[in-house]
Amino acid sequence: MELICEIDYDEVTPELTLNLQKILAKCAGRSLKSFKRVCDRHNQERSDPFRD
């Protein structure tokens, strides 16, 4: 994110834009996977009949 904040608009090229899109998609994908894992774990714990 620091890199994005430091970019001047006149430095933006199509190549840079594509690379930033790939980086952001990768980070978003990881965040979504982590979120899904937490939700799945939470749902498993709630459905556990032996839960205290």
Protein backbone atom coordinates (compact mmCIF):
# COMPACT_ATOMS: atom_id res chain seq x y z
CA MET A 1 0.00 0.00 0.00
CA GLU A 2 2.90 2.36 0.67
CA LEU A 3 4.03 1.88 -2.91
CA ILE A 4 0.60 2.85 -4.22
CA CYS A 5 0.52 6.00 -2.09
CA GLU A 6 3.90 7.11 -3.38
CA ILE A 7 3.10 6.79 -7.10
CA ASP A 8 2.80 10.03 -9.03
CA TYR A 9 0.09 10.06 -11.66
CA ASP A 10 2.58 10.90 -14.38
CA GLU A 11 4.48 7.66 -13.54
CA VAL A 12 1.47 5.41 -14.19
CA THR A 13 1.91 3.20 -17.23
CA PRO A 14 -0.28 0.37 -18.54
CA GLU A 15 2.40 -2.09 -17.40
CA LEU A 16 2.42 -0.66 -13.87
CA THR A 17 -1.37 -0.71 -13.76
CA LEU A 18 -1.45 -4.37 -14.75
CA ASN A 19 1.15 -5.29 -12.13
CA LEU A 20 -0.74 -3.43 -9.42
CA GLN A 21 -3.98 -5.17 -10.41
CA LYS A 22 -2.26 -8.55 -10.11
CA ILE A 23 -0.84 -7.69 -6.69
CA LEU A 24 -4.17 -6.42 -5.39
CA ALA A 25 -6.05 -9.45 -6.75
CA LYS A 26 -3.57 -11.78 -5.08
CA CYS A 27 -3.91 -9.99 -1.73
CA ALA A 28 -7.70 -9.91 -1.99
CA GLY A 29 -7.74 -13.61 -2.83
CA ARG A 30 -5.68 -14.42 0.23
CA SER A 31 -7.91 -12.27 2.42
CA LEU A 32 -11.05 -13.94 1.08
CA LYS A 33 -9.57 -17.40 1.64
CA SER A 34 -8.63 -16.49 5.21
CA PHE A 35 -12.08 -15.06 5.85
CA LYS A 36 -13.73 -18.18 4.42
CA ARG A 37 -11.56 -20.42 6.63
CA VAL A 38 -12.55 -18.45 9.73
CA CYS A 39 -16.25 -18.63 8.78
CA ASP A 40 -16.02 -22.36 8.07
CA ARG A 41 -14.29 -22.99 11.38
CA HIS A 42 -16.89 -20.91 13.21
CA ASN A 43 -19.74 -22.83 11.54
CA GLN A 44 -18.12 -26.16 12.42
CA GLU A 45 -17.75 -25.13 16.05
CA ARG A 46 -21.40 -24.02 16.21
CA SER A 47 -22.61 -27.29 14.73
CA ASP A 48 -20.44 -29.49 17.00
CA PRO A 49 -22.86 -31.47 19.23
CA PHE A 50 -20.12 -32.01 21.82
CA ARG A 51 -19.40 -28.31 22.22
CA ASP A 52 -19.59 -26.98 25.79
